[in-house]
Structure formats: C-alpha cells, structure tokens
Amino acid sequence: MALLLEKIMRTTEVKRLYILMRPKRGVDIHERIGSWPTDPVFQNLLNVKANAFECLVPIAGDCAELDLGISEQDRQILKNEVQIVIHSAATVRFNEPLHHALDINVRATRLPMELGKEMQHLESFVHVSTAFSNCVVNHIKETYYPELLSCPAAKVLELKEQLSNELLDKMTPALLDKFPNTYTYTKALAEHLVQTESGDLPICIFRPGIIIASYKEPVSGWMDNLYKPISILYAAAFGVMCICRVDVKKEANVVPVDFCANLLIARVWKTAIDAKSMRIYLVKEEPGIESMERGQKIRAIFEILHRLLQVIVCSAGAAILWSMLKLLISF
C-alpha cells in the first residue's frame, strides 16, 4: 500500500486520500501515519512535494467488524466525497482459520461494495484479488470461475452467520474441495461476490501475481514485508536456509511491486472511462520480459532480486547469496 500511495501522491494532483486503518500493536491510526514520512519509500516524494502528506486522512476501521468499524460521521464523509475506491485489504495467511478468512476476505468485500453504491460521486472501484484465486485451473483466463466453488459465496456467508466458528472450521475441507488453502478459496469467493452483488458499480478485478521488490520506482529494490520469495532471500542471506527444493521446469509469475502500482492506477482510469463493462485484469509476470528466452528471463528477475539485497540486506550472507545467484545465471 505504501508504494501505491507514494505513486499517487507523487504523480497526481489528488485532493484527498482516505485510508481505512486500525490501531496496531498499541499504536493508534494517527501515530501510524505520523511515522510514514521517515520511510525511505517516501523520500523522493517529500523532496518534490514537502507537504504531500497533508492530503492523507486516516479513517478508523477494521475489516473484521460487521460494519467495517467505520463511524457514522466518517461514513457520511466517504459517501459525499469519494470518487475512487481501491479495496486491497486481505489476510494473506494460507493457514488462516476459515471463519476469520471469511470475515476479512469475503464479507469485507461485500461491505465496501455496499458502501460504494451509496457514494454520490463514485467513478471507479478496483477490487484487488490475486492471480491464484482460481489456482485449481491450469490455465487461468481473465474471466469468472463460479463453477469452481462447491457453494455460492452468499450461501457461505450465511453459514458463517448461522454456525459457530468451531463448527464452520470443521467444515473447511468440504467447502474448500479442490482449493489448497483458505486464502485462495476466500479470494475466489470474494470474486464471486463481485460478480453477483456489484450491480451497477463501475468495478473491475485486479489479479496481481507474486509481488517482489520494486524495479525502479521510487527506489530500486524496495519491499516492506517478508512474504513470498522475499522470505526465501532473507533466510538464505542470513544463513538460516541452506537448501530450497524447487521444480526447475516451472515458472513463477513474479511482478515488481512498482509495476503492480502503475498497472493498478491505469485500471482505475480504464474502469472510470468504461464503467459499463465489468473487467478482470490478470497481472502474471514482469511486462517487457515475456518474450525472452528462459535464461534471459531468469537473469532479469535475479537483477531485481540483487537490487533488493543491495538495498535491504547488508550482510556477508547477502554477498554470498548473490555470488551463488551469479553462478546460477552463468549456467
């Protein structure tokens, strides 16, 4: 989210950015935003727009709550002023208990859509999903897959309200069916809600692949978490992980985070000017390298990962890891 906010503030004349936030680890929402200017991702922005953060308005809320935890006063402000909604909140834990994943990934997709229908000036609504929401299909297309669900999304949410959390979690294997985990399953359910309940909303679904460190903007190699391939790099760089088993015949659909931010902003615009058609955008791999031979593609990806190590991991382990990567590239 930080990089997307930076891009919007740096390259557009946005009047106001409302951010739904909750207190975290005892820090309230205003304190959380107050610490952002010290993050390296915002340094280029502040160099050209010293007052950039004046447009940020935190809205207290929580996706796990029935009404998103938004006060009536804040809700009225959003109804009167918001033109664009980017819904990206989600739990990405693969082993999240089903009842909790349903609250955050599914019900918290329905509630923003309901709020969006009351927004007087809404022009574009982007639901951020994942390229793996329908991972039980070998070749995923930019379309809906309701036939993959053992039970419609609305019915699953009804079960969530009628059953105890313990009983619902015991039903997880039956509900998931072919889905490998609660993350992909609930993201598929969320897409089904968009398909069946969005109505006349100017909405699209954005499916990014595996997000890795930034390629260029605002700084090369920036990343703010230890998810996905980044955790493997950290573990190898610090000597925690010495062996990683992979299938060398498979390709990982990785996308630099700045490419995702740029494409997402473009989809906001496209949805606003073509509001009548509900579109799905699948972001599978780094633009510009799709036509490369495998060796060239591996080199391009490792160059991005190298910049990540240079920026974030300053250790002897990182240098050793990069030496190993260079040996791999040479084959």
Protein backbone atom coordinates (compact mmCIF):
# COMPACT_ATOMS: atom_id res chain seq x y z
CA MET A 1 0.00 0.00 0.00
CA ALA A 2 2.80 2.42 0.83
CA LEU A 3 4.26 2.33 -2.66
CA LEU A 4 0.84 2.82 -4.26
CA LEU A 5 0.17 5.84 -2.05
CA GLU A 6 3.59 7.26 -2.90
CA LYS A 7 2.94 6.90 -6.62
CA ILE A 8 -0.48 8.56 -6.40
CA MET A 9 0.78 11.48 -4.32
CA ARG A 10 3.90 12.00 -6.43
CA THR A 11 2.35 11.84 -9.89
CA THR A 12 -1.22 13.11 -9.48
CA GLU A 13 -2.97 16.16 -8.05
CA VAL A 14 -5.16 14.14 -5.71
CA LYS A 15 -7.10 16.33 -3.31
CA ARG A 16 -7.60 13.83 -0.52
CA LEU A 17 -6.71 10.20 0.22
CA TYR A 18 -8.88 8.43 2.78
CA ILE A 19 -7.19 5.35 4.25
CA LEU A 20 -9.12 2.78 6.27
CA MET A 21 -6.84 1.79 9.14
CA ARG A 22 -6.95 0.15 12.53
CA PRO A 23 -4.72 0.62 15.57
CA LYS A 24 -1.81 -1.81 15.50
CA ARG A 25 0.36 -3.06 18.36
CA GLY A 26 -0.93 -0.31 20.63
CA VAL A 27 -0.27 2.47 18.10
CA ASP A 28 -3.33 4.49 17.01
CA ILE A 29 -4.01 5.38 13.37
CA HIS A 30 -2.70 8.95 13.60
CA GLU A 31 0.58 7.79 15.11
CA ARG A 32 0.93 5.15 12.40
CA ILE A 33 0.57 7.71 9.62
CA GLY A 34 2.83 10.11 11.51
CA SER A 35 5.72 7.65 11.20
CA TRP A 36 5.39 7.20 7.43
CA PRO A 37 7.47 10.23 6.33
CA THR A 38 10.58 8.53 7.74
CA ASP A 39 10.10 5.51 5.46
CA PRO A 40 12.66 5.52 2.59
CA VAL A 41 9.86 4.85 0.10
CA PHE A 42 8.57 8.40 0.61
CA GLN A 43 11.87 10.29 0.43
CA ASN A 44 11.71 11.12 -3.29
CA LEU A 45 8.11 12.25 -2.85
CA LEU A 46 8.95 14.60 0.03
CA ASN A 47 11.86 16.05 -1.96
CA VAL A 48 9.46 17.29 -4.64
CA LYS A 49 6.29 17.73 -2.55
CA ALA A 50 7.17 18.66 1.01
CA ASN A 51 3.50 18.90 2.05
CA ALA A 52 2.40 15.71 0.32
CA PHE A 53 1.13 14.06 3.49
CA GLU A 54 -1.41 16.80 4.10
CA CYS A 55 -3.81 15.02 1.73
CA LEU A 56 -3.81 11.81 3.81
CA VAL A 57 -6.85 11.31 6.03
CA PRO A 58 -6.93 8.19 8.22
CA ILE A 59 -10.34 6.59 8.76
CA ALA A 60 -10.62 4.37 11.83
CA GLY A 61 -11.97 0.97 10.87
CA ASP A 62 -11.46 -2.78 10.87
CA CYS A 63 -12.30 -5.21 8.07
CA ALA A 64 -13.08 -7.91 10.64
CA GLU A 65 -16.02 -5.92 12.04
CA LEU A 66 -19.60 -6.12 10.79
CA ASP A 67 -19.77 -2.51 9.60
CA LEU A 68 -16.03 -2.24 8.83
CA GLY A 69 -15.78 -0.38 12.13
CA ILE A 70 -16.42 2.97 10.41
CA SER A 71 -18.23 5.63 12.44
CA GLU A 72 -21.42 7.15 11.03
CA GLN A 73 -19.70 10.53 10.71
CA ASP A 74 -16.81 9.09 8.69
CA ARG A 75 -19.21 7.00 6.62
CA GLN A 76 -21.10 10.14 5.62
CA ILE A 77 -17.85 11.86 4.60
CA LEU A 78 -16.94 8.91 2.38
CA LYS A 79 -20.40 8.89 0.78
CA ASN A 80 -20.17 12.58 -0.05
CA GLU A 81 -16.56 12.88 -1.21
CA VAL A 82 -15.02 9.64 -2.52
CA GLN A 83 -14.63 9.19 -6.29
CA ILE A 84 -12.32 6.15 -6.39
CA VAL A 85 -12.20 3.06 -4.18
CA ILE A 86 -9.23 0.67 -4.15
CA HIS A 87 -10.08 -2.34 -2.00
CA SER A 88 -6.89 -4.28 -1.25
CA ALA A 89 -7.30 -5.27 2.40
CA ALA A 90 -6.93 -9.02 2.94
CA THR A 91 -5.43 -11.68 5.13
CA VAL A 92 -2.76 -13.49 3.11
CA ARG A 93 -2.04 -16.28 5.57
CA PHE A 94 -2.51 -19.60 3.81
CA ASN A 95 -3.48 -21.35 7.04
CA GLU A 96 -5.89 -18.70 8.34
CA PRO A 97 -8.88 -20.31 10.11
CA LEU A 98 -11.78 -20.26 7.67
CA HIS A 99 -14.11 -18.20 9.85
CA HIS A 100 -11.55 -15.40 10.11
CA ALA A 101 -10.59 -15.52 6.42
CA LEU A 102 -14.28 -15.24 5.52
CA ASP A 103 -14.64 -12.11 7.64
CA ILE A 104 -11.68 -10.30 6.12
CA ASN A 105 -11.50 -11.59 2.55
CA VAL A 106 -15.17 -12.14 1.72
CA ARG A 107 -17.55 -10.21 3.97
CA ALA A 108 -15.15 -7.24 3.89
CA THR A 109 -15.50 -7.28 0.10
CA ARG A 110 -19.30 -7.14 0.24
CA LEU A 111 -19.36 -4.26 2.73
CA PRO A 112 -17.22 -1.79 0.69
CA MET A 113 -19.35 -2.55 -2.38
CA GLU A 114 -22.49 -1.75 -0.38
CA LEU A 115 -20.88 1.49 0.77
CA GLY A 116 -19.76 2.24 -2.79
CA LYS A 117 -23.36 2.08 -4.01
CA GLU A 118 -24.13 4.99 -1.66
CA MET A 119 -21.19 7.14 -2.80
CA GLN A 120 -22.57 10.08 -4.73
CA HIS A 121 -19.52 10.68 -6.94
CA LEU A 122 -18.05 7.19 -7.36
CA GLU A 123 -16.30 6.78 -10.71
CA SER A 124 -14.15 3.68 -10.24
CA PHE A 125 -13.92 0.73 -7.84
CA VAL A 126 -10.98 -1.69 -8.02
CA HIS A 127 -11.09 -4.97 -6.12
CA VAL A 128 -7.56 -6.34 -5.68
CA SER A 129 -7.63 -10.12 -5.86
CA THR A 130 -4.77 -12.48 -6.74
CA ALA A 131 -3.63 -14.35 -9.84
CA PHE A 132 -4.05 -17.52 -7.78
CA SER A 133 -7.68 -17.04 -6.73
CA ASN A 134 -8.64 -19.80 -9.19
CA CYS A 135 -5.44 -21.81 -8.89
CA VAL A 136 -7.23 -25.14 -9.35
CA VAL A 137 -7.41 -24.26 -13.06
CA ASN A 138 -4.24 -24.95 -15.05
CA HIS A 139 -4.60 -22.01 -17.45
CA ILE A 140 -6.34 -19.08 -15.79
CA LYS A 141 -8.11 -16.59 -18.04
CA GLU A 142 -9.46 -13.10 -17.39
CA THR A 143 -12.92 -14.36 -16.55
CA TYR A 144 -15.01 -15.57 -13.60
CA TYR A 145 -14.97 -19.16 -12.38
CA PRO A 146 -18.11 -19.66 -10.26
CA GLU A 147 -18.21 -23.33 -11.26
CA LEU A 148 -15.11 -23.97 -9.12
CA LEU A 149 -16.97 -23.22 -5.90
CA SER A 150 -18.73 -26.01 -4.04
CA CYS A 151 -21.11 -23.44 -2.56
CA PRO A 152 -22.00 -19.88 -3.70
CA ALA A 153 -20.30 -17.04 -1.84
CA ALA A 154 -23.54 -15.63 -0.44
CA LYS A 155 -24.52 -19.05 0.94
CA VAL A 156 -21.12 -19.49 2.60
CA LEU A 157 -21.54 -16.12 4.32
CA GLU A 158 -24.99 -17.25 5.50
CA LEU A 159 -23.39 -20.35 7.02
CA LYS A 160 -20.83 -18.09 8.68
CA GLU A 161 -23.63 -16.21 10.44
CA GLN A 162 -25.60 -19.32 11.41
CA LEU A 163 -22.83 -21.63 12.64
CA SER A 164 -20.25 -21.35 15.38
CA ASN A 165 -16.67 -20.63 14.37
CA GLU A 166 -15.62 -24.08 15.58
CA LEU A 167 -18.23 -25.90 13.50
CA LEU A 168 -17.52 -23.81 10.41
CA ASP A 169 -13.80 -24.51 10.68
CA LYS A 170 -14.53 -28.25 10.87
CA MET A 171 -16.35 -27.91 7.55
CA THR A 172 -13.27 -26.40 5.90
CA PRO A 173 -12.20 -29.50 3.88
CA ALA A 174 -15.70 -29.96 2.44
CA LEU A 175 -16.06 -26.30 1.50
CA LEU A 176 -12.56 -25.92 0.05
CA ASP A 177 -12.92 -29.04 -2.09
CA LYS A 178 -10.02 -28.71 -4.59
CA PHE A 179 -8.71 -25.38 -3.25
CA PRO A 180 -5.36 -25.85 -1.45
CA ASN A 181 -5.90 -23.35 1.38
CA THR A 182 -8.32 -20.86 2.89
CA TYR A 183 -6.53 -17.92 1.27
CA THR A 184 -7.15 -18.90 -2.36
CA TYR A 185 -10.62 -20.19 -1.51
CA THR A 186 -11.81 -16.99 0.13
CA LYS A 187 -10.29 -14.86 -2.64
CA ALA A 188 -12.31 -16.92 -5.14
CA LEU A 189 -15.42 -16.36 -3.03
CA ALA A 190 -14.73 -12.62 -3.00
CA GLU A 191 -14.57 -12.59 -6.79
CA HIS A 192 -17.90 -14.40 -6.90
CA LEU A 193 -19.40 -11.69 -4.69
CA VAL A 194 -18.12 -9.03 -7.10
CA GLN A 195 -19.70 -10.94 -9.97
CA THR A 196 -23.08 -11.42 -8.28
CA GLU A 197 -23.52 -8.40 -6.00
CA SER A 198 -21.68 -5.43 -7.53
CA GLY A 199 -24.75 -4.37 -9.50
CA ASP A 200 -24.18 -1.11 -11.39
CA LEU A 201 -20.89 -0.29 -9.69
CA PRO A 202 -18.09 0.83 -12.05
CA ILE A 203 -15.91 -2.05 -10.88
CA CYS A 204 -13.04 -4.24 -12.02
CA ILE A 205 -11.00 -7.08 -10.53
CA PHE A 206 -7.21 -6.75 -10.45
CA ARG A 207 -5.28 -10.03 -10.11
CA PRO A 208 -1.55 -9.49 -9.43
CA GLY A 209 0.92 -12.38 -9.46
CA ILE A 210 3.66 -12.92 -6.87
CA ILE A 211 4.80 -9.43 -5.91
CA ILE A 212 8.52 -8.87 -5.48
CA ALA A 213 10.73 -5.85 -4.77
CA SER A 214 10.47 -2.65 -6.82
CA TYR A 215 12.25 -2.49 -10.16
CA LYS A 216 12.75 1.26 -10.33
CA GLU A 217 10.17 3.43 -8.54
CA PRO A 218 10.52 5.18 -6.21
CA VAL A 219 13.77 3.39 -5.30
CA SER A 220 15.14 0.17 -6.71
CA GLY A 221 14.82 -2.94 -4.56
CA TRP A 222 12.23 -1.62 -2.07
CA MET A 223 9.98 -4.05 -0.20
CA ASP A 224 8.23 -3.70 3.15
CA ASN A 225 7.47 -7.30 4.09
CA LEU A 226 8.92 -10.79 4.31
CA TYR A 227 6.24 -12.58 2.32
CA LYS A 228 6.63 -14.80 -0.72
CA PRO A 229 10.10 -15.03 -2.40
CA ILE A 230 11.42 -12.25 -0.17
CA SER A 231 11.32 -14.55 2.86
CA ILE A 232 13.42 -17.10 0.97
CA LEU A 233 16.00 -14.44 0.12
CA TYR A 234 16.22 -13.28 3.72
CA ALA A 235 16.54 -16.80 5.04
CA ALA A 236 19.29 -17.64 2.55
CA ALA A 237 21.09 -14.31 3.05
CA PHE A 238 21.33 -14.83 6.80
CA GLY A 239 22.24 -18.49 6.55
CA VAL A 240 19.01 -19.77 8.07
CA MET A 241 18.06 -21.71 4.95
CA CYS A 242 20.71 -23.64 3.07
CA ILE A 243 18.56 -25.77 0.74
CA CYS A 244 15.37 -24.95 -1.14
CA ARG A 245 13.74 -27.62 -3.28
CA VAL A 246 12.20 -26.28 -6.49
CA ASP A 247 10.91 -27.62 -9.79
CA VAL A 248 13.25 -26.04 -12.35
CA LYS A 249 10.74 -26.74 -15.13
CA LYS A 250 8.13 -24.45 -13.58
CA GLU A 251 7.92 -20.68 -13.91
CA ALA A 252 6.97 -18.33 -11.10
CA ASN A 253 4.70 -15.46 -12.11
CA VAL A 254 6.54 -12.66 -10.31
CA VAL A 255 5.81 -8.95 -10.74
CA PRO A 256 7.77 -6.00 -9.29
CA VAL A 257 5.65 -4.01 -6.86
CA ASP A 258 6.06 -0.73 -8.78
CA PHE A 259 4.76 -2.37 -11.95
CA CYS A 260 1.70 -3.51 -9.99
CA ALA A 261 1.11 0.01 -8.65
CA ASN A 262 1.37 1.52 -12.13
CA LEU A 263 -0.97 -1.05 -13.65
CA LEU A 264 -3.47 -0.67 -10.83
CA ILE A 265 -3.65 3.10 -11.35
CA ALA A 266 -4.14 2.50 -15.07
CA ARG A 267 -7.00 0.12 -14.30
CA VAL A 268 -8.63 2.76 -12.10
CA TRP A 269 -8.64 5.12 -15.08
CA LYS A 270 -9.81 2.46 -17.55
CA THR A 271 -12.70 1.45 -15.31
CA ALA A 272 -13.77 5.09 -14.90
CA ILE A 273 -13.98 5.72 -18.65
CA ASP A 274 -15.56 2.34 -19.43
CA ALA A 275 -17.81 1.86 -16.42
CA LYS A 276 -20.46 -0.29 -18.11
CA SER A 277 -18.27 -3.34 -18.60
CA MET A 278 -17.02 -5.39 -15.65
CA ARG A 279 -13.42 -6.30 -16.37
CA ILE A 280 -10.83 -8.66 -14.90
CA TYR A 281 -7.11 -7.96 -15.26
CA LEU A 282 -4.57 -10.72 -14.69
CA VAL A 283 -1.03 -9.48 -13.99
CA LYS A 284 1.10 -12.58 -14.38
CA GLU A 285 4.71 -11.61 -14.86
CA GLU A 286 7.04 -8.70 -15.44
CA PRO A 287 6.00 -6.68 -18.53
CA GLY A 288 8.75 -6.48 -21.09
CA ILE A 289 10.34 -9.87 -20.45
CA GLU A 290 7.54 -12.22 -21.51
CA SER A 291 9.12 -12.87 -24.91
CA MET A 292 12.60 -13.53 -23.52
CA GLU A 293 14.29 -16.89 -23.53
CA ARG A 294 14.26 -18.64 -20.16
CA GLY A 295 17.88 -17.76 -19.35
CA GLN A 296 17.31 -14.08 -20.12
CA LYS A 297 14.16 -14.05 -18.02
CA ILE A 298 15.94 -15.63 -15.05
CA ARG A 299 18.70 -13.04 -15.35
CA ALA A 300 16.20 -10.15 -15.41
CA ILE A 301 14.43 -11.44 -12.32
CA PHE A 302 17.67 -12.03 -10.42
CA GLU A 303 18.82 -8.50 -11.23
CA ILE A 304 15.72 -7.21 -9.46
CA LEU A 305 16.39 -9.50 -6.51
CA HIS A 306 20.00 -8.35 -6.45
CA ARG A 307 18.87 -4.75 -6.03
CA LEU A 308 16.65 -5.88 -3.18
CA LEU A 309 19.64 -7.41 -1.43
CA GLN A 310 21.73 -4.29 -2.02
CA VAL A 311 19.09 -2.01 -0.54
CA ILE A 312 17.73 -4.10 2.33
CA VAL A 313 20.09 -6.88 3.34
CA CYS A 314 23.52 -5.52 4.09
CA SER A 315 25.36 -8.56 5.34
CA ALA A 316 28.05 -11.02 4.43
CA GLY A 317 25.32 -13.56 3.89
CA ALA A 318 23.77 -11.36 1.21
CA ALA A 319 27.07 -11.11 -0.63
CA ILE A 320 27.48 -14.88 -0.50
CA LEU A 321 23.94 -15.36 -1.78
CA TRP A 322 24.50 -13.01 -4.71
CA SER A 323 27.67 -14.88 -5.62
CA MET A 324 25.61 -18.07 -5.72
CA LEU A 325 22.97 -16.37 -7.87
CA LYS A 326 25.61 -15.19 -10.35
CA LEU A 327 26.88 -18.73 -10.65
CA LEU A 328 23.34 -19.89 -11.37
CA ILE A 329 22.87 -17.19 -14.02
CA SER A 330 26.06 -18.27 -15.77
CA PHE A 331 24.73 -21.79 -16.47
